[in-house]
Amino acid sequence: MGKSPRWIYWKQTFQSKFQAGCLKAKLEDNWHNGYEIGPCVEIKKLKTNKYVVRYTYDEMSEGS
């Protein structure tokens, strides 16, 4: 506890939040159809007004 998550950033930036949201949904859906606990996925706005998708595997989730 007290340890901050280690984020993995998608290598591509997006012009719109919608485009980033499509990737976010795809990442989440891929894990929901599998057997592993899915990652926490976020969309972050950069100073350049582009968007990036990042995700982390939180193995210390409340459901464990």
PDB file of N, CA and C in Angstrom:
ATOM      1  N   MET A   1       0.846  -1.195   0.000  1.00  0.00           N
ATOM      2  CA  MET A   1       0.000   0.000   0.000  1.00  0.00           C
ATOM      3  C   MET A   1       0.879   1.241   0.000  1.00  0.00           C
ATOM      4  N   GLY A   2       0.386   2.312  -0.574  1.00  0.00           N
ATOM      5  CA  GLY A   2       1.165   3.528  -0.656  1.00  0.00           C
ATOM      6  C   GLY A   2       2.056   3.567  -1.888  1.00  0.00           C
ATOM      7  N   LYS A   3       2.117   2.450  -2.593  1.00  0.00           N
ATOM      8  CA  LYS A   3       2.929   2.373  -3.807  1.00  0.00           C
ATOM      9  C   LYS A   3       2.089   2.873  -4.980  1.00  0.00           C
ATOM     10  N   SER A   4       2.622   3.822  -5.733  1.00  0.00           N
ATOM     11  CA  SER A   4       1.865   4.331  -6.878  1.00  0.00           C
ATOM     12  C   SER A   4       1.972   3.355  -8.041  1.00  0.00           C
ATOM     13  N   PRO A   5       0.937   3.300  -8.878  1.00  0.00           N
ATOM     14  CA  PRO A   5       0.952   2.352  -9.990  1.00  0.00           C
ATOM     15  C   PRO A   5       2.008   2.713 -11.029  1.00  0.00           C
ATOM     16  N   ARG A   6       2.506   1.702 -11.706  1.00  0.00           N
ATOM     17  CA  ARG A   6       3.450   1.925 -12.811  1.00  0.00           C
ATOM     18  C   ARG A   6       2.648   1.914 -14.098  1.00  0.00           C
ATOM     19  N   TRP A   7       2.609   3.053 -14.766  1.00  0.00           N
ATOM     20  CA  TRP A   7       1.789   3.218 -15.964  1.00  0.00           C
ATOM     21  C   TRP A   7       2.557   2.797 -17.203  1.00  0.00           C
ATOM     22  N   ILE A   8       1.850   2.188 -18.126  1.00  0.00           N
ATOM     23  CA  ILE A   8       2.378   1.831 -19.437  1.00  0.00           C
ATOM     24  C   ILE A   8       1.664   2.734 -20.435  1.00  0.00           C
ATOM     25  N   TYR A   9       2.428   3.491 -21.217  1.00  0.00           N
ATOM     26  CA  TYR A   9       1.835   4.437 -22.165  1.00  0.00           C
ATOM     27  C   TYR A   9       1.784   3.827 -23.559  1.00  0.00           C
ATOM     28  N   TRP A  10       0.641   3.991 -24.219  1.00  0.00           N
ATOM     29  CA  TRP A  10       0.506   3.557 -25.606  1.00  0.00           C
ATOM     30  C   TRP A  10       1.438   4.407 -26.451  1.00  0.00           C
ATOM     31  N   LYS A  11       2.093   3.822 -27.438  1.00  0.00           N
ATOM     32  CA  LYS A  11       3.131   4.538 -28.196  1.00  0.00           C
ATOM     33  C   LYS A  11       2.601   5.631 -29.110  1.00  0.00           C
ATOM     34  N   GLN A  12       1.306   5.636 -29.359  1.00  0.00           N
ATOM     35  CA  GLN A  12       0.710   6.590 -30.297  1.00  0.00           C
ATOM     36  C   GLN A  12      -0.069   7.674 -29.556  1.00  0.00           C
ATOM     37  N   THR A  13      -0.001   8.903 -30.054  1.00  0.00           N
ATOM     38  CA  THR A  13      -0.856   9.964 -29.524  1.00  0.00           C
ATOM     39  C   THR A  13      -2.015  10.173 -30.487  1.00  0.00           C
ATOM     40  N   PHE A  14      -3.094  10.739 -29.979  1.00  0.00           N
ATOM     41  CA  PHE A  14      -4.312  10.905 -30.765  1.00  0.00           C
ATOM     42  C   PHE A  14      -4.720  12.374 -30.830  1.00  0.00           C
ATOM     43  N   GLN A  15      -5.302  12.753 -31.963  1.00  0.00           N
ATOM     44  CA  GLN A  15      -5.733  14.129 -32.169  1.00  0.00           C
ATOM     45  C   GLN A  15      -6.993  14.468 -31.364  1.00  0.00           C
ATOM     46  N   SER A  16      -7.826  13.455 -31.126  1.00  0.00           N
ATOM     47  CA  SER A  16      -9.085  13.714 -30.421  1.00  0.00           C
ATOM     48  C   SER A  16      -9.278  12.725 -29.274  1.00  0.00           C
ATOM     49  N   LYS A  17     -10.078  13.145 -28.307  1.00  0.00           N
ATOM     50  CA  LYS A  17     -10.394  12.286 -27.178  1.00  0.00           C
ATOM     51  C   LYS A  17     -11.219  11.082 -27.646  1.00  0.00           C
ATOM     52  N   PHE A  18     -12.010  11.271 -28.696  1.00  0.00           N
ATOM     53  CA  PHE A  18     -12.804  10.176 -29.247  1.00  0.00           C
ATOM     54  C   PHE A  18     -11.901   9.049 -29.744  1.00  0.00           C
ATOM     55  N   GLN A  19     -10.852   9.403 -30.491  1.00  0.00           N
ATOM     56  CA  GLN A  19      -9.919   8.396 -31.005  1.00  0.00           C
ATOM     57  C   GLN A  19      -9.263   7.626 -29.856  1.00  0.00           C
ATOM     58  N   ALA A  20      -8.842   8.357 -28.835  1.00  0.00           N
ATOM     59  CA  ALA A  20      -8.229   7.718 -27.671  1.00  0.00           C
ATOM     60  C   ALA A  20      -9.243   6.831 -26.958  1.00  0.00           C
ATOM     61  N   GLY A  21     -10.490   7.273 -26.908  1.00  0.00           N
ATOM     62  CA  GLY A  21     -11.546   6.499 -26.256  1.00  0.00           C
ATOM     63  C   GLY A  21     -11.815   5.182 -26.973  1.00  0.00           C
ATOM     64  N   CYS A  22     -11.661   5.160 -28.294  1.00  0.00           N
ATOM     65  CA  CYS A  22     -11.839   3.916 -29.053  1.00  0.00           C
ATOM     66  C   CYS A  22     -10.777   2.896 -28.657  1.00  0.00           C
ATOM     67  N   LEU A  23      -9.537   3.343 -28.510  1.00  0.00           N
ATOM     68  CA  LEU A  23      -8.471   2.443 -28.086  1.00  0.00           C
ATOM     69  C   LEU A  23      -8.712   1.977 -26.648  1.00  0.00           C
ATOM     70  N   LYS A  24      -9.142   2.891 -25.792  1.00  0.00           N
ATOM     71  CA  LYS A  24      -9.438   2.541 -24.399  1.00  0.00           C
ATOM     72  C   LYS A  24     -10.479   1.425 -24.343  1.00  0.00           C
ATOM     73  N   ALA A  25     -11.554   1.566 -25.109  1.00  0.00           N
ATOM     74  CA  ALA A  25     -12.615   0.559 -25.132  1.00  0.00           C
ATOM     75  C   ALA A  25     -12.091  -0.778 -25.656  1.00  0.00           C
ATOM     76  N   LYS A  26     -11.236  -0.714 -26.668  1.00  0.00           N
ATOM     77  CA  LYS A  26     -10.681  -1.941 -27.246  1.00  0.00           C
ATOM     78  C   LYS A  26      -9.799  -2.668 -26.232  1.00  0.00           C
ATOM     79  N   LEU A  27      -8.966  -1.926 -25.517  1.00  0.00           N
ATOM     80  CA  LEU A  27      -8.104  -2.534 -24.500  1.00  0.00           C
ATOM     81  C   LEU A  27      -8.944  -3.184 -23.405  1.00  0.00           C
ATOM     82  N   GLU A  28      -9.960  -2.475 -22.939  1.00  0.00           N
ATOM     83  CA  GLU A  28     -10.812  -3.008 -21.876  1.00  0.00           C
ATOM     84  C   GLU A  28     -11.581  -4.238 -22.347  1.00  0.00           C
ATOM     85  N   ASP A  29     -12.115  -4.206 -23.553  1.00  0.00           N
ATOM     86  CA  ASP A  29     -12.876  -5.338 -24.085  1.00  0.00           C
ATOM     87  C   ASP A  29     -12.002  -6.579 -24.254  1.00  0.00           C
ATOM     88  N   ASN A  30     -10.767  -6.389 -24.684  1.00  0.00           N
ATOM     89  CA  ASN A  30      -9.875  -7.531 -24.874  1.00  0.00           C
ATOM     90  C   ASN A  30      -9.657  -8.284 -23.567  1.00  0.00           C
ATOM     91  N   TRP A  31      -9.575  -7.563 -22.455  1.00  0.00           N
ATOM     92  CA  TRP A  31      -9.348  -8.229 -21.181  1.00  0.00           C
ATOM     93  C   TRP A  31     -10.636  -8.792 -20.599  1.00  0.00           C
ATOM     94  N   HIS A  32     -11.770  -8.149 -20.856  1.00  0.00           N
ATOM     95  CA  HIS A  32     -13.041  -8.667 -20.343  1.00  0.00           C
ATOM     96  C   HIS A  32     -13.354 -10.023 -20.957  1.00  0.00           C
ATOM     97  N   ASN A  33     -12.883 -10.259 -22.162  1.00  0.00           N
ATOM     98  CA  ASN A  33     -13.136 -11.533 -22.828  1.00  0.00           C
ATOM     99  C   ASN A  33     -12.112 -12.600 -22.447  1.00  0.00           C
ATOM    100  N   GLY A  34     -11.107 -12.226 -21.681  1.00  0.00           N
ATOM    101  CA  GLY A  34     -10.076 -13.174 -21.280  1.00  0.00           C
ATOM    102  C   GLY A  34     -10.277 -13.643 -19.853  1.00  0.00           C
ATOM    103  N   TYR A  35      -9.260 -14.258 -19.308  1.00  0.00           N
ATOM    104  CA  TYR A  35      -9.351 -14.815 -17.968  1.00  0.00           C
ATOM    105  C   TYR A  35      -8.607 -13.974 -16.934  1.00  0.00           C
ATOM    106  N   GLU A  36      -7.845 -13.003 -17.378  1.00  0.00           N
ATOM    107  CA  GLU A  36      -7.076 -12.178 -16.458  1.00  0.00           C
ATOM    108  C   GLU A  36      -7.885 -10.972 -16.001  1.00  0.00           C
ATOM    109  N   ILE A  37      -7.478 -10.421 -14.863  1.00  0.00           N
ATOM    110  CA  ILE A  37      -8.068  -9.160 -14.411  1.00  0.00           C
ATOM    111  C   ILE A  37      -7.557  -8.076 -15.339  1.00  0.00           C
ATOM    112  N   GLY A  38      -8.459  -7.278 -15.866  1.00  0.00           N
ATOM    113  CA  GLY A  38      -8.087  -6.247 -16.829  1.00  0.00           C
ATOM    114  C   GLY A  38      -7.322  -5.101 -16.210  1.00  0.00           C
ATOM    115  N   PRO A  39      -6.655  -4.350 -17.038  1.00  0.00           N
ATOM    116  CA  PRO A  39      -5.898  -3.198 -16.556  1.00  0.00           C
ATOM    117  C   PRO A  39      -6.813  -2.008 -16.300  1.00  0.00           C
ATOM    118  N   CYS A  40      -6.313  -1.075 -15.523  1.00  0.00           N
ATOM    119  CA  CYS A  40      -6.978   0.216 -15.356  1.00  0.00           C
ATOM    120  C   CYS A  40      -6.507   1.069 -16.533  1.00  0.00           C
ATOM    121  N   VAL A  41      -7.436   1.575 -17.337  1.00  0.00           N
ATOM    122  CA  VAL A  41      -7.084   2.324 -18.545  1.00  0.00           C
ATOM    123  C   VAL A  41      -7.547   3.771 -18.384  1.00  0.00           C
ATOM    124  N   GLU A  42      -6.687   4.719 -18.705  1.00  0.00           N
ATOM    125  CA  GLU A  42      -7.008   6.147 -18.615  1.00  0.00           C
ATOM    126  C   GLU A  42      -6.621   6.867 -19.899  1.00  0.00           C
ATOM    127  N   ILE A  43      -7.304   7.985 -20.141  1.00  0.00           N
ATOM    128  CA  ILE A  43      -6.955   8.886 -21.238  1.00  0.00           C
ATOM    129  C   ILE A  43      -6.428  10.162 -20.596  1.00  0.00           C
ATOM    130  N   LYS A  44      -5.260  10.588 -21.024  1.00  0.00           N
ATOM    131  CA  LYS A  44      -4.663  11.810 -20.485  1.00  0.00           C
ATOM    132  C   LYS A  44      -4.483  12.815 -21.609  1.00  0.00           C
ATOM    133  N   LYS A  45      -4.792  14.076 -21.319  1.00  0.00           N
ATOM    134  CA  LYS A  45      -4.582  15.150 -22.293  1.00  0.00           C
ATOM    135  C   LYS A  45      -3.185  15.722 -22.086  1.00  0.00           C
ATOM    136  N   LEU A  46      -2.443  15.826 -23.170  1.00  0.00           N
ATOM    137  CA  LEU A  46      -1.093  16.368 -23.122  1.00  0.00           C
ATOM    138  C   LEU A  46      -1.111  17.884 -23.290  1.00  0.00           C
ATOM    139  N   LYS A  47      -0.013  18.528 -22.969  1.00  0.00           N
ATOM    140  CA  LYS A  47       0.095  19.988 -23.129  1.00  0.00           C
ATOM    141  C   LYS A  47      -0.029  20.408 -24.589  1.00  0.00           C
ATOM    142  N   THR A  48       0.219  19.481 -25.503  1.00  0.00           N
ATOM    143  CA  THR A  48       0.141  19.758 -26.936  1.00  0.00           C
ATOM    144  C   THR A  48      -1.290  19.619 -27.466  1.00  0.00           C
ATOM    145  N   ASN A  49      -2.259  19.428 -26.548  1.00  0.00           N
ATOM    146  CA  ASN A  49      -3.673  19.228 -26.898  1.00  0.00           C
ATOM    147  C   ASN A  49      -3.912  17.937 -27.664  1.00  0.00           C
ATOM    148  N   LYS A  50      -3.015  16.984 -27.516  1.00  0.00           N
ATOM    149  CA  LYS A  50      -3.224  15.638 -28.032  1.00  0.00           C
ATOM    150  C   LYS A  50      -3.542  14.751 -26.835  1.00  0.00           C
ATOM    151  N   TYR A  51      -3.962  13.532 -27.134  1.00  0.00           N
ATOM    152  CA  TYR A  51      -4.342  12.600 -26.075  1.00  0.00           C
ATOM    153  C   TYR A  51      -3.497  11.344 -26.139  1.00  0.00           C
ATOM    154  N   VAL A  52      -3.238  10.775 -24.979  1.00  0.00           N
ATOM    155  CA  VAL A  52      -2.487   9.537 -24.888  1.00  0.00           C
ATOM    156  C   VAL A  52      -3.268   8.581 -23.981  1.00  0.00           C
ATOM    157  N   VAL A  53      -3.148   7.301 -24.281  1.00  0.00           N
ATOM    158  CA  VAL A  53      -3.806   6.272 -23.479  1.00  0.00           C
ATOM    159  C   VAL A  53      -2.736   5.593 -22.632  1.00  0.00           C
ATOM    160  N   ARG A  54      -3.046   5.420 -21.364  1.00  0.00           N
ATOM    161  CA  ARG A  54      -2.121   4.711 -20.488  1.00  0.00           C
ATOM    162  C   ARG A  54      -2.903   3.667 -19.706  1.00  0.00           C
ATOM    163  N   TYR A  55      -2.197   2.622 -19.299  1.00  0.00           N
ATOM    164  CA  TYR A  55      -2.863   1.577 -18.536  1.00  0.00           C
ATOM    165  C   TYR A  55      -1.888   0.968 -17.539  1.00  0.00           C
ATOM    166  N   THR A  56      -2.454   0.334 -16.525  1.00  0.00           N
ATOM    167  CA  THR A  56      -1.652  -0.319 -15.505  1.00  0.00           C
ATOM    168  C   THR A  56      -2.363  -1.574 -15.033  1.00  0.00           C
ATOM    169  N   TYR A  57      -1.596  -2.495 -14.557  1.00  0.00           N
ATOM    170  CA  TYR A  57      -2.154  -3.703 -13.955  1.00  0.00           C
ATOM    171  C   TYR A  57      -2.079  -3.523 -12.453  1.00  0.00           C
ATOM    172  N   ASP A  58      -3.206  -3.350 -11.801  1.00  0.00           N
ATOM    173  CA  ASP A  58      -3.226  -3.174 -10.354  1.00  0.00           C
ATOM    174  C   ASP A  58      -3.551  -4.514  -9.721  1.00  0.00           C
ATOM    175  N   GLU A  59      -2.523  -5.253  -9.369  1.00  0.00           N
ATOM    176  CA  GLU A  59      -2.721  -6.578  -8.777  1.00  0.00           C
ATOM    177  C   GLU A  59      -3.218  -6.495  -7.344  1.00  0.00           C
ATOM    178  N   MET A  60      -3.186  -5.322  -6.775  1.00  0.00           N
ATOM    179  CA  MET A  60      -3.650  -5.147  -5.406  1.00  0.00           C
ATOM    180  C   MET A  60      -5.075  -4.580  -5.397  1.00  0.00           C
ATOM    181  N   SER A  61      -5.878  -4.975  -6.361  1.00  0.00           N
ATOM    182  CA  SER A  61      -7.233  -4.434  -6.460  1.00  0.00           C
ATOM    183  C   SER A  61      -8.101  -4.888  -5.297  1.00  0.00           C
ATOM    184  N   GLU A  62      -9.179  -4.168  -5.054  1.00  0.00           N
ATOM    185  CA  GLU A  62     -10.055  -4.431  -3.920  1.00  0.00           C
ATOM    186  C   GLU A  62     -10.721  -5.790  -4.018  1.00  0.00           C
ATOM    187  N   GLY A  63     -10.899  -6.317  -5.215  1.00  0.00           N
ATOM    188  CA  GLY A  63     -11.561  -7.594  -5.394  1.00  0.00           C
ATOM    189  C   GLY A  63     -10.711  -8.807  -5.059  1.00  0.00           C
ATOM    190  N   SER A  64      -9.420  -8.609  -4.840  1.00  0.00           N
ATOM    191  CA  SER A  64      -8.525  -9.740  -4.572  1.00  0.00           C
ATOM    192  C   SER A  64      -8.652 -10.237  -3.147  1.00  0.00           C
TER     193      SER A  64
END
